N, C-alpha and C. Protein backbone atom coordinates (compact mmCIF):
# COMPACT_ATOMS: atom_id res chain seq x y z
N MET A 1 -12.20 367.71 -44.82
CA MET A 1 -11.18 367.12 -43.79
C MET A 1 -11.48 365.89 -43.61
N SER A 2 -10.08 365.23 -44.03
CA SER A 2 -9.82 363.88 -43.33
C SER A 2 -10.31 363.46 -42.13
N SER A 3 -10.82 362.11 -41.94
CA SER A 3 -10.58 361.39 -40.64
C SER A 3 -9.36 361.15 -40.12
N ASN A 4 -8.42 361.20 -40.65
CA ASN A 4 -7.13 360.57 -40.61
C ASN A 4 -6.33 361.53 -40.46
N THR A 5 -5.57 361.68 -39.41
CA THR A 5 -4.87 363.17 -39.27
C THR A 5 -3.23 362.59 -39.08
N GLU A 6 -2.05 363.06 -39.67
CA GLU A 6 -0.54 362.45 -39.18
C GLU A 6 -0.01 363.96 -38.64
N PHE A 7 0.91 363.42 -37.74
CA PHE A 7 1.81 364.28 -37.05
C PHE A 7 2.91 363.46 -36.70
N ASP A 8 4.14 363.68 -37.36
CA ASP A 8 5.36 363.38 -36.77
C ASP A 8 5.24 361.55 -37.13
N ASN A 9 4.56 361.17 -37.95
CA ASN A 9 4.52 359.95 -38.34
C ASN A 9 3.55 359.19 -37.69
N ILE A 10 3.01 359.75 -36.65
CA ILE A 10 2.00 359.16 -35.75
C ILE A 10 0.10 359.13 -36.39
N SER A 11 -0.41 358.32 -36.32
CA SER A 11 -1.65 358.42 -37.17
C SER A 11 -2.54 358.11 -36.44
N PHE A 12 -3.87 359.12 -36.30
CA PHE A 12 -4.49 359.07 -35.20
C PHE A 12 -5.86 358.85 -36.34
N ASP A 13 -6.72 357.63 -36.23
CA ASP A 13 -7.95 357.50 -36.59
C ASP A 13 -9.10 357.69 -35.89
N LEU A 14 -9.62 358.83 -36.21
CA LEU A 14 -10.49 360.08 -35.51
C LEU A 14 -11.87 359.25 -36.18
N PRO A 15 -12.74 358.83 -35.04
CA PRO A 15 -14.31 358.15 -35.06
C PRO A 15 -14.92 359.35 -35.41
N LYS A 16 -15.75 358.95 -36.63
CA LYS A 16 -16.86 359.72 -37.26
C LYS A 16 -18.10 359.72 -36.43
N ASN A 17 -18.86 360.63 -36.72
CA ASN A 17 -20.11 360.68 -36.15
C ASN A 17 -20.19 360.60 -34.42
N GLN A 18 -18.86 360.81 -33.86
CA GLN A 18 -18.72 360.54 -32.30
C GLN A 18 -18.46 362.37 -31.88
N SER A 19 -19.06 362.48 -30.41
CA SER A 19 -18.81 363.88 -29.85
C SER A 19 -17.03 363.49 -29.23
N ASN A 20 -16.38 364.78 -29.12
CA ASN A 20 -14.88 364.63 -28.51
C ASN A 20 -15.43 363.79 -27.39
N VAL A 21 -14.04 363.29 -26.76
CA VAL A 21 -13.88 362.77 -25.71
C VAL A 21 -12.70 363.47 -24.72
N ILE A 22 -12.81 364.08 -23.73
CA ILE A 22 -12.16 364.93 -23.02
C ILE A 22 -11.72 364.58 -21.60
N LYS A 23 -10.63 363.95 -21.17
CA LYS A 23 -10.29 363.37 -19.89
C LYS A 23 -9.51 364.31 -19.16
N VAL A 24 -9.25 364.83 -18.15
CA VAL A 24 -8.26 365.44 -17.52
C VAL A 24 -7.92 364.58 -16.48
N ILE A 25 -6.58 364.06 -16.48
CA ILE A 25 -5.85 363.47 -15.37
C ILE A 25 -4.71 364.20 -14.53
N GLY A 26 -4.81 364.14 -13.28
CA GLY A 26 -3.95 364.67 -12.27
C GLY A 26 -3.38 363.48 -11.83
N VAL A 27 -2.09 363.72 -11.60
CA VAL A 27 -1.39 362.71 -10.99
C VAL A 27 -0.34 363.20 -10.02
N GLY A 28 -0.44 362.93 -8.66
CA GLY A 28 0.15 363.12 -7.60
C GLY A 28 -0.38 364.41 -6.85
N GLY A 29 0.30 364.35 -5.72
CA GLY A 29 -0.45 365.65 -4.69
C GLY A 29 -0.79 366.83 -5.73
N GLY A 30 0.10 367.33 -6.58
CA GLY A 30 -0.35 368.62 -6.98
C GLY A 30 -0.90 368.41 -8.22
N GLY A 31 -1.26 367.40 -9.13
CA GLY A 31 -2.26 367.24 -10.30
C GLY A 31 -3.46 366.68 -9.55
N SER A 32 -3.35 366.20 -8.40
CA SER A 32 -4.87 365.90 -7.86
C SER A 32 -5.52 367.58 -7.21
N ASN A 33 -4.61 367.83 -6.57
CA ASN A 33 -4.94 369.56 -6.05
C ASN A 33 -5.77 370.09 -7.48
N ALA A 34 -4.99 370.02 -8.29
CA ALA A 34 -5.51 370.65 -9.79
C ALA A 34 -6.76 370.31 -9.78
N ILE A 35 -6.86 368.83 -10.27
CA ILE A 35 -7.97 368.59 -10.84
C ILE A 35 -9.24 368.73 -9.81
N ASN A 36 -9.12 368.34 -8.26
CA ASN A 36 -9.96 368.82 -7.33
C ASN A 36 -10.54 370.25 -7.71
N HIS A 37 -9.90 371.53 -7.80
CA HIS A 37 -10.07 372.55 -8.30
C HIS A 37 -10.88 372.88 -9.33
N MET A 38 -10.56 372.00 -10.30
CA MET A 38 -11.06 372.65 -11.75
C MET A 38 -12.67 371.59 -11.53
N PHE A 39 -12.59 370.30 -10.88
CA PHE A 39 -14.01 369.90 -10.32
C PHE A 39 -14.90 370.48 -9.86
N ARG A 40 -14.31 371.15 -8.84
CA ARG A 40 -15.32 372.21 -7.88
C ARG A 40 -15.91 373.58 -8.62
N GLN A 41 -15.34 373.66 -9.78
CA GLN A 41 -15.40 374.94 -10.64
C GLN A 41 -16.56 374.52 -11.53
N GLY A 42 -17.05 373.18 -11.38
CA GLY A 42 -18.14 372.57 -12.40
C GLY A 42 -18.02 372.51 -13.75
N ILE A 43 -16.75 372.54 -14.35
CA ILE A 43 -16.35 372.37 -15.55
C ILE A 43 -17.23 371.38 -16.24
N LYS A 44 -17.92 371.77 -17.30
CA LYS A 44 -18.75 370.32 -18.08
C LYS A 44 -18.21 370.05 -19.29
N GLY A 45 -18.29 368.56 -19.42
CA GLY A 45 -18.17 367.73 -20.84
C GLY A 45 -16.75 367.48 -20.61
N VAL A 46 -16.14 367.18 -19.47
CA VAL A 46 -14.84 366.84 -19.21
C VAL A 46 -14.95 365.84 -18.24
N ASP A 47 -14.37 364.31 -18.31
CA ASP A 47 -14.16 363.35 -17.60
C ASP A 47 -12.79 364.06 -16.59
N PHE A 48 -13.03 363.93 -15.04
CA PHE A 48 -11.61 363.87 -14.26
C PHE A 48 -11.29 362.98 -13.64
N VAL A 49 -10.08 362.49 -13.81
CA VAL A 49 -9.46 361.51 -13.16
C VAL A 49 -8.31 361.90 -12.29
N ILE A 50 -7.82 361.17 -11.06
CA ILE A 50 -7.02 361.59 -10.25
C ILE A 50 -6.18 360.19 -9.82
N CYS A 51 -5.13 360.26 -9.76
CA CYS A 51 -4.09 359.29 -9.47
C CYS A 51 -3.31 359.76 -8.59
N ASN A 52 -2.90 359.03 -7.51
CA ASN A 52 -2.18 359.12 -6.09
C ASN A 52 -1.73 357.56 -5.79
N THR A 53 -0.63 357.93 -4.78
CA THR A 53 -0.50 356.68 -4.04
C THR A 53 -1.05 356.71 -2.91
N ASP A 54 -1.61 358.13 -2.40
CA ASP A 54 -1.87 358.43 -0.88
C ASP A 54 -3.50 357.96 -1.00
N SER A 55 -3.67 356.87 -0.28
CA SER A 55 -5.39 356.25 -0.35
C SER A 55 -6.10 357.43 0.25
N GLN A 56 -5.61 358.32 1.64
CA GLN A 56 -6.26 359.20 2.14
C GLN A 56 -6.68 360.50 1.22
N ALA A 57 -6.20 360.95 0.28
CA ALA A 57 -6.04 361.84 -0.24
C ALA A 57 -7.25 361.45 -1.49
N LEU A 58 -7.14 360.38 -1.81
CA LEU A 58 -8.23 359.88 -2.93
C LEU A 58 -9.50 359.75 -2.18
N GLU A 59 -9.83 359.41 -0.91
CA GLU A 59 -11.01 359.43 -0.30
C GLU A 59 -11.57 360.74 0.02
N ASN A 60 -10.21 361.45 -0.04
CA ASN A 60 -10.88 362.85 0.52
C ASN A 60 -11.56 363.68 -0.77
N SER A 61 -10.98 363.33 -1.81
CA SER A 61 -11.44 364.05 -3.27
C SER A 61 -12.72 363.73 -3.42
N PRO A 62 -13.58 364.67 -4.11
CA PRO A 62 -14.80 364.73 -4.60
C PRO A 62 -14.81 364.19 -6.23
N VAL A 63 -13.77 363.80 -6.91
CA VAL A 63 -13.75 363.41 -7.97
C VAL A 63 -14.07 362.15 -8.03
N PRO A 64 -14.80 361.29 -9.17
CA PRO A 64 -15.43 359.99 -8.70
C PRO A 64 -14.58 359.22 -9.31
N ILE A 65 -13.79 359.52 -10.37
CA ILE A 65 -12.91 358.12 -10.97
C ILE A 65 -11.41 358.70 -10.20
N LYS A 66 -10.63 357.73 -9.28
CA LYS A 66 -9.46 357.62 -8.68
C LYS A 66 -9.03 356.30 -9.09
N ILE A 67 -7.52 356.39 -8.98
CA ILE A 67 -6.91 355.41 -9.37
C ILE A 67 -5.80 355.52 -8.19
N GLN A 68 -5.31 354.15 -7.64
CA GLN A 68 -4.78 354.21 -6.55
C GLN A 68 -3.47 353.81 -7.10
N LEU A 69 -1.91 354.52 -7.19
CA LEU A 69 -0.69 353.96 -7.64
C LEU A 69 -0.09 353.31 -6.58
N GLY A 70 0.76 352.31 -7.03
CA GLY A 70 1.47 351.73 -6.35
C GLY A 70 0.92 350.63 -5.15
N VAL A 71 -0.34 350.07 -5.31
CA VAL A 71 -0.83 349.88 -4.13
C VAL A 71 0.07 348.34 -3.54
N SER A 72 0.67 347.63 -4.62
CA SER A 72 1.34 346.46 -4.37
C SER A 72 2.86 346.38 -4.16
N LEU A 73 3.13 347.80 -4.36
CA LEU A 73 4.43 348.13 -4.02
C LEU A 73 4.86 348.01 -2.30
């Protein structure tokens, strides 16, 4: 198997000797709710990230990686 995979003229250089990195990102209220649910289920081997404009929703989430959108708008 080659370390270089092509799909629709996009080349992905896949690192050798590294484990997979899986990040699940939820955006907005619905996405954050879905991520919160998955996080509470204890899914292992995945980094969860939530992105939201609502700072209160971010503060109330158990997910450790949070990005507040539109802070300066």
